[in-house]
Amino acid sequence: MFKTEFIQGRNFETLCPLCQELANYVKWFNNQQIHGSLNYLTPVEFQRQTL
C-alpha cells in the first residue's frame, strides 16, 4: 500500500522534501484514511475506541 500510494512515480531530489512528504502521508494515513481491517475507522479512531 505504501509503495503504490506514496512512492510509485515519485522522485525526491533531496532528503528534506522526502521527509516532509512522508510526515504528511503518515498524518493522513493515521487520521483520515479509513481501514477495512479496523472496521472502517481510521487508526486514530480505532485506538480511541480500544482505550
PDB file of N, CA and C in Angstrom:
ATOM      1  N   MET A   1       0.827  -1.184   0.000  1.00  0.00           N
ATOM      2  CA  MET A   1       0.000   0.000   0.000  1.00  0.00           C
ATOM      3  C   MET A   1       0.874   1.251   0.000  1.00  0.00           C
ATOM      4  N   PHE A   2       1.876   1.264   0.850  1.00  0.00           N
ATOM      5  CA  PHE A   2       2.778   2.409   0.924  1.00  0.00           C
ATOM      6  C   PHE A   2       3.441   2.672  -0.427  1.00  0.00           C
ATOM      7  N   LYS A   3       3.894   1.613  -1.070  1.00  0.00           N
ATOM      8  CA  LYS A   3       4.578   1.767  -2.350  1.00  0.00           C
ATOM      9  C   LYS A   3       3.650   2.316  -3.418  1.00  0.00           C
ATOM     10  N   THR A   4       2.419   1.875  -3.461  1.00  0.00           N
ATOM     11  CA  THR A   4       1.512   2.332  -4.512  1.00  0.00           C
ATOM     12  C   THR A   4       0.919   3.707  -4.211  1.00  0.00           C
ATOM     13  N   GLU A   5       0.688   4.026  -2.963  1.00  0.00           N
ATOM     14  CA  GLU A   5       0.068   5.308  -2.622  1.00  0.00           C
ATOM     15  C   GLU A   5       1.081   6.444  -2.467  1.00  0.00           C
ATOM     16  N   PHE A   6       2.268   6.142  -2.018  1.00  0.00           N
ATOM     17  CA  PHE A   6       3.215   7.206  -1.712  1.00  0.00           C
ATOM     18  C   PHE A   6       4.423   7.244  -2.643  1.00  0.00           C
ATOM     19  N   ILE A   7       5.026   6.120  -2.887  1.00  0.00           N
ATOM     20  CA  ILE A   7       6.307   6.086  -3.594  1.00  0.00           C
ATOM     21  C   ILE A   7       6.165   6.048  -5.112  1.00  0.00           C
ATOM     22  N   GLN A   8       5.260   5.255  -5.617  1.00  0.00           N
ATOM     23  CA  GLN A   8       5.196   4.976  -7.055  1.00  0.00           C
ATOM     24  C   GLN A   8       5.122   6.256  -7.890  1.00  0.00           C
ATOM     25  N   GLY A   9       6.060   6.394  -8.818  1.00  0.00           N
ATOM     26  CA  GLY A   9       6.064   7.513  -9.740  1.00  0.00           C
ATOM     27  C   GLY A   9       6.630   8.806  -9.184  1.00  0.00           C
ATOM     28  N   ARG A  10       7.200   8.776  -8.003  1.00  0.00           N
ATOM     29  CA  ARG A  10       7.730   9.997  -7.393  1.00  0.00           C
ATOM     30  C   ARG A  10       9.238   9.903  -7.238  1.00  0.00           C
ATOM     31  N   ASN A  11       9.892  11.020  -7.420  1.00  0.00           N
ATOM     32  CA  ASN A  11      11.329  11.134  -7.194  1.00  0.00           C
ATOM     33  C   ASN A  11      11.564  12.342  -6.308  1.00  0.00           C
ATOM     34  N   PHE A  12      12.445  12.205  -5.366  1.00  0.00           N
ATOM     35  CA  PHE A  12      12.787  13.290  -4.456  1.00  0.00           C
ATOM     36  C   PHE A  12      14.252  13.647  -4.667  1.00  0.00           C
ATOM     37  N   GLU A  13      14.509  14.918  -4.914  1.00  0.00           N
ATOM     38  CA  GLU A  13      15.866  15.375  -5.184  1.00  0.00           C
ATOM     39  C   GLU A  13      16.759  15.296  -3.945  1.00  0.00           C
ATOM     40  N   THR A  14      16.181  15.606  -2.787  1.00  0.00           N
ATOM     41  CA  THR A  14      16.954  15.583  -1.545  1.00  0.00           C
ATOM     42  C   THR A  14      16.126  14.900  -0.460  1.00  0.00           C
ATOM     43  N   LEU A  15      16.746  14.693   0.674  1.00  0.00           N
ATOM     44  CA  LEU A  15      16.082  14.028   1.787  1.00  0.00           C
ATOM     45  C   LEU A  15      15.010  14.908   2.433  1.00  0.00           C
ATOM     46  N   CYS A  16      15.204  16.215   2.434  1.00  0.00           N
ATOM     47  CA  CYS A  16      14.272  17.124   3.105  1.00  0.00           C
ATOM     48  C   CYS A  16      12.844  17.043   2.537  1.00  0.00           C
ATOM     49  N   PRO A  17      12.649  17.157   1.219  1.00  0.00           N
ATOM     50  CA  PRO A  17      11.283  17.028   0.698  1.00  0.00           C
ATOM     51  C   PRO A  17      10.681  15.652   0.958  1.00  0.00           C
ATOM     52  N   LEU A  18      11.508  14.615   0.909  1.00  0.00           N
ATOM     53  CA  LEU A  18      11.019  13.269   1.208  1.00  0.00           C
ATOM     54  C   LEU A  18      10.501  13.197   2.630  1.00  0.00           C
ATOM     55  N   CYS A  19      11.253  13.717   3.583  1.00  0.00           N
ATOM     56  CA  CYS A  19      10.834  13.689   4.992  1.00  0.00           C
ATOM     57  C   CYS A  19       9.550  14.467   5.207  1.00  0.00           C
ATOM     58  N   GLN A  20       9.424  15.618   4.570  1.00  0.00           N
ATOM     59  CA  GLN A  20       8.217  16.432   4.710  1.00  0.00           C
ATOM     60  C   GLN A  20       6.997  15.714   4.138  1.00  0.00           C
ATOM     61  N   GLU A  21       7.144  15.166   2.952  1.00  0.00           N
ATOM     62  CA  GLU A  21       6.031  14.451   2.315  1.00  0.00           C
ATOM     63  C   GLU A  21       5.678  13.188   3.082  1.00  0.00           C
ATOM     64  N   LEU A  22       6.671  12.506   3.599  1.00  0.00           N
ATOM     65  CA  LEU A  22       6.421  11.296   4.379  1.00  0.00           C
ATOM     66  C   LEU A  22       5.652  11.628   5.654  1.00  0.00           C
ATOM     67  N   ALA A  23       6.015  12.700   6.326  1.00  0.00           N
ATOM     68  CA  ALA A  23       5.295  13.119   7.538  1.00  0.00           C
ATOM     69  C   ALA A  23       3.837  13.447   7.203  1.00  0.00           C
ATOM     70  N   ASN A  24       3.609  14.115   6.082  1.00  0.00           N
ATOM     71  CA  ASN A  24       2.238  14.423   5.655  1.00  0.00           C
ATOM     72  C   ASN A  24       1.458  13.149   5.348  1.00  0.00           C
ATOM     73  N   TYR A  25       2.105  12.191   4.698  1.00  0.00           N
ATOM     74  CA  TYR A  25       1.452  10.931   4.363  1.00  0.00           C
ATOM     75  C   TYR A  25       1.064  10.158   5.620  1.00  0.00           C
ATOM     76  N   VAL A  26       1.977  10.071   6.568  1.00  0.00           N
ATOM     77  CA  VAL A  26       1.702   9.339   7.808  1.00  0.00           C
ATOM     78  C   VAL A  26       0.565  10.004   8.572  1.00  0.00           C
ATOM     79  N   LYS A  27       0.550  11.319   8.609  1.00  0.00           N
ATOM     80  CA  LYS A  27      -0.542  12.052   9.276  1.00  0.00           C
ATOM     81  C   LYS A  27      -1.875  11.751   8.596  1.00  0.00           C
ATOM     82  N   TRP A  28      -1.902  11.799   7.267  1.00  0.00           N
ATOM     83  CA  TRP A  28      -3.119  11.486   6.517  1.00  0.00           C
ATOM     84  C   TRP A  28      -3.536  10.034   6.755  1.00  0.00           C
ATOM     85  N   PHE A  29      -2.582   9.115   6.672  1.00  0.00           N
ATOM     86  CA  PHE A  29      -2.873   7.690   6.823  1.00  0.00           C
ATOM     87  C   PHE A  29      -3.476   7.384   8.186  1.00  0.00           C
ATOM     88  N   ASN A  30      -2.975   8.003   9.223  1.00  0.00           N
ATOM     89  CA  ASN A  30      -3.448   7.720  10.577  1.00  0.00           C
ATOM     90  C   ASN A  30      -4.712   8.476  10.967  1.00  0.00           C
ATOM     91  N   ASN A  31      -4.961   9.618  10.352  1.00  0.00           N
ATOM     92  CA  ASN A  31      -6.072  10.469  10.781  1.00  0.00           C
ATOM     93  C   ASN A  31      -7.235  10.560   9.799  1.00  0.00           C
ATOM     94  N   GLN A  32      -7.023  10.207   8.539  1.00  0.00           N
ATOM     95  CA  GLN A  32      -8.089  10.379   7.549  1.00  0.00           C
ATOM     96  C   GLN A  32      -8.411   9.118   6.757  1.00  0.00           C
ATOM     97  N   GLN A  33      -7.429   8.268   6.529  1.00  0.00           N
ATOM     98  CA  GLN A  33      -7.631   7.070   5.719  1.00  0.00           C
ATOM     99  C   GLN A  33      -8.336   5.987   6.539  1.00  0.00           C
ATOM    100  N   ILE A  34      -9.518   5.592   6.090  1.00  0.00           N
ATOM    101  CA  ILE A  34     -10.219   4.517   6.787  1.00  0.00           C
ATOM    102  C   ILE A  34      -9.643   3.166   6.371  1.00  0.00           C
ATOM    103  N   HIS A  35      -9.715   2.189   7.268  1.00  0.00           N
ATOM    104  CA  HIS A  35      -9.140   0.869   7.038  1.00  0.00           C
ATOM    105  C   HIS A  35     -10.211  -0.189   7.263  1.00  0.00           C
ATOM    106  N   GLY A  36     -10.401  -1.029   6.262  1.00  0.00           N
ATOM    107  CA  GLY A  36     -11.371  -2.106   6.379  1.00  0.00           C
ATOM    108  C   GLY A  36     -11.062  -3.046   7.524  1.00  0.00           C
ATOM    109  N   SER A  37      -9.785  -3.276   7.776  1.00  0.00           N
ATOM    110  CA  SER A  37      -9.395  -4.186   8.851  1.00  0.00           C
ATOM    111  C   SER A  37      -9.654  -3.591  10.236  1.00  0.00           C
ATOM    112  N   LEU A  38      -9.932  -2.300  10.294  1.00  0.00           N
ATOM    113  CA  LEU A  38     -10.228  -1.628  11.564  1.00  0.00           C
ATOM    114  C   LEU A  38     -11.705  -1.230  11.635  1.00  0.00           C
ATOM    115  N   ASN A  39     -12.545  -2.041  10.995  1.00  0.00           N
ATOM    116  CA  ASN A  39     -13.992  -1.793  10.988  1.00  0.00           C
ATOM    117  C   ASN A  39     -14.317  -0.437  10.363  1.00  0.00           C
ATOM    118  N   TYR A  40     -13.578  -0.084   9.320  1.00  0.00           N
ATOM    119  CA  TYR A  40     -13.774   1.144   8.546  1.00  0.00           C
ATOM    120  C   TYR A  40     -13.634   2.406   9.392  1.00  0.00           C
ATOM    121  N   LEU A  41     -12.655   2.367  10.289  1.00  0.00           N
ATOM    122  CA  LEU A  41     -12.283   3.526  11.084  1.00  0.00           C
ATOM    123  C   LEU A  41     -10.855   3.913  10.719  1.00  0.00           C
ATOM    124  N   THR A  42     -10.465   5.126  11.070  1.00  0.00           N
ATOM    125  CA  THR A  42      -9.062   5.492  10.938  1.00  0.00           C
ATOM    126  C   THR A  42      -8.302   4.854  12.095  1.00  0.00           C
ATOM    127  N   PRO A  43      -6.989   4.705  12.004  1.00  0.00           N
ATOM    128  CA  PRO A  43      -6.237   4.159  13.127  1.00  0.00           C
ATOM    129  C   PRO A  43      -6.420   4.966  14.410  1.00  0.00           C
ATOM    130  N   VAL A  44      -6.503   6.273  14.308  1.00  0.00           N
ATOM    131  CA  VAL A  44      -6.694   7.105  15.496  1.00  0.00           C
ATOM    132  C   VAL A  44      -8.064   6.837  16.127  1.00  0.00           C
ATOM    133  N   GLU A  45      -9.104   6.745  15.307  1.00  0.00           N
ATOM    134  CA  GLU A  45     -10.446   6.452  15.835  1.00  0.00           C
ATOM    135  C   GLU A  45     -10.487   5.073  16.471  1.00  0.00           C
ATOM    136  N   PHE A  46      -9.850   4.103  15.822  1.00  0.00           N
ATOM    137  CA  PHE A  46      -9.830   2.745  16.349  1.00  0.00           C
ATOM    138  C   PHE A  46      -9.124   2.699  17.699  1.00  0.00           C
ATOM    139  N   GLN A  47      -8.007   3.380  17.806  1.00  0.00           N
ATOM    140  CA  GLN A  47      -7.268   3.387  19.062  1.00  0.00           C
ATOM    141  C   GLN A  47      -8.091   4.044  20.168  1.00  0.00           C
ATOM    142  N   ARG A  48      -8.801   5.102  19.858  1.00  0.00           N
ATOM    143  CA  ARG A  48      -9.644   5.754  20.869  1.00  0.00           C
ATOM    144  C   ARG A  48     -10.733   4.812  21.386  1.00  0.00           C
ATOM    145  N   GLN A  49     -11.262   3.969  20.511  1.00  0.00           N
ATOM    146  CA  GLN A  49     -12.319   3.038  20.907  1.00  0.00           C
ATOM    147  C   GLN A  49     -11.779   1.928  21.803  1.00  0.00           C
ATOM    148  N   THR A  50     -10.530   1.549  21.628  1.00  0.00           N
ATOM    149  CA  THR A  50      -9.977   0.430  22.378  1.00  0.00           C
ATOM    150  C   THR A  50      -9.424   0.842  23.733  1.00  0.00           C
ATOM    151  N   LEU A  51      -9.330   2.126  23.989  1.00  0.00           N
ATOM    152  CA  LEU A  51      -8.800   2.594  25.292  1.00  0.00           C
ATOM    153  C   LEU A  51      -9.861   2.658  26.330  1.00  0.00           C
TER     154      LEU A  51
END
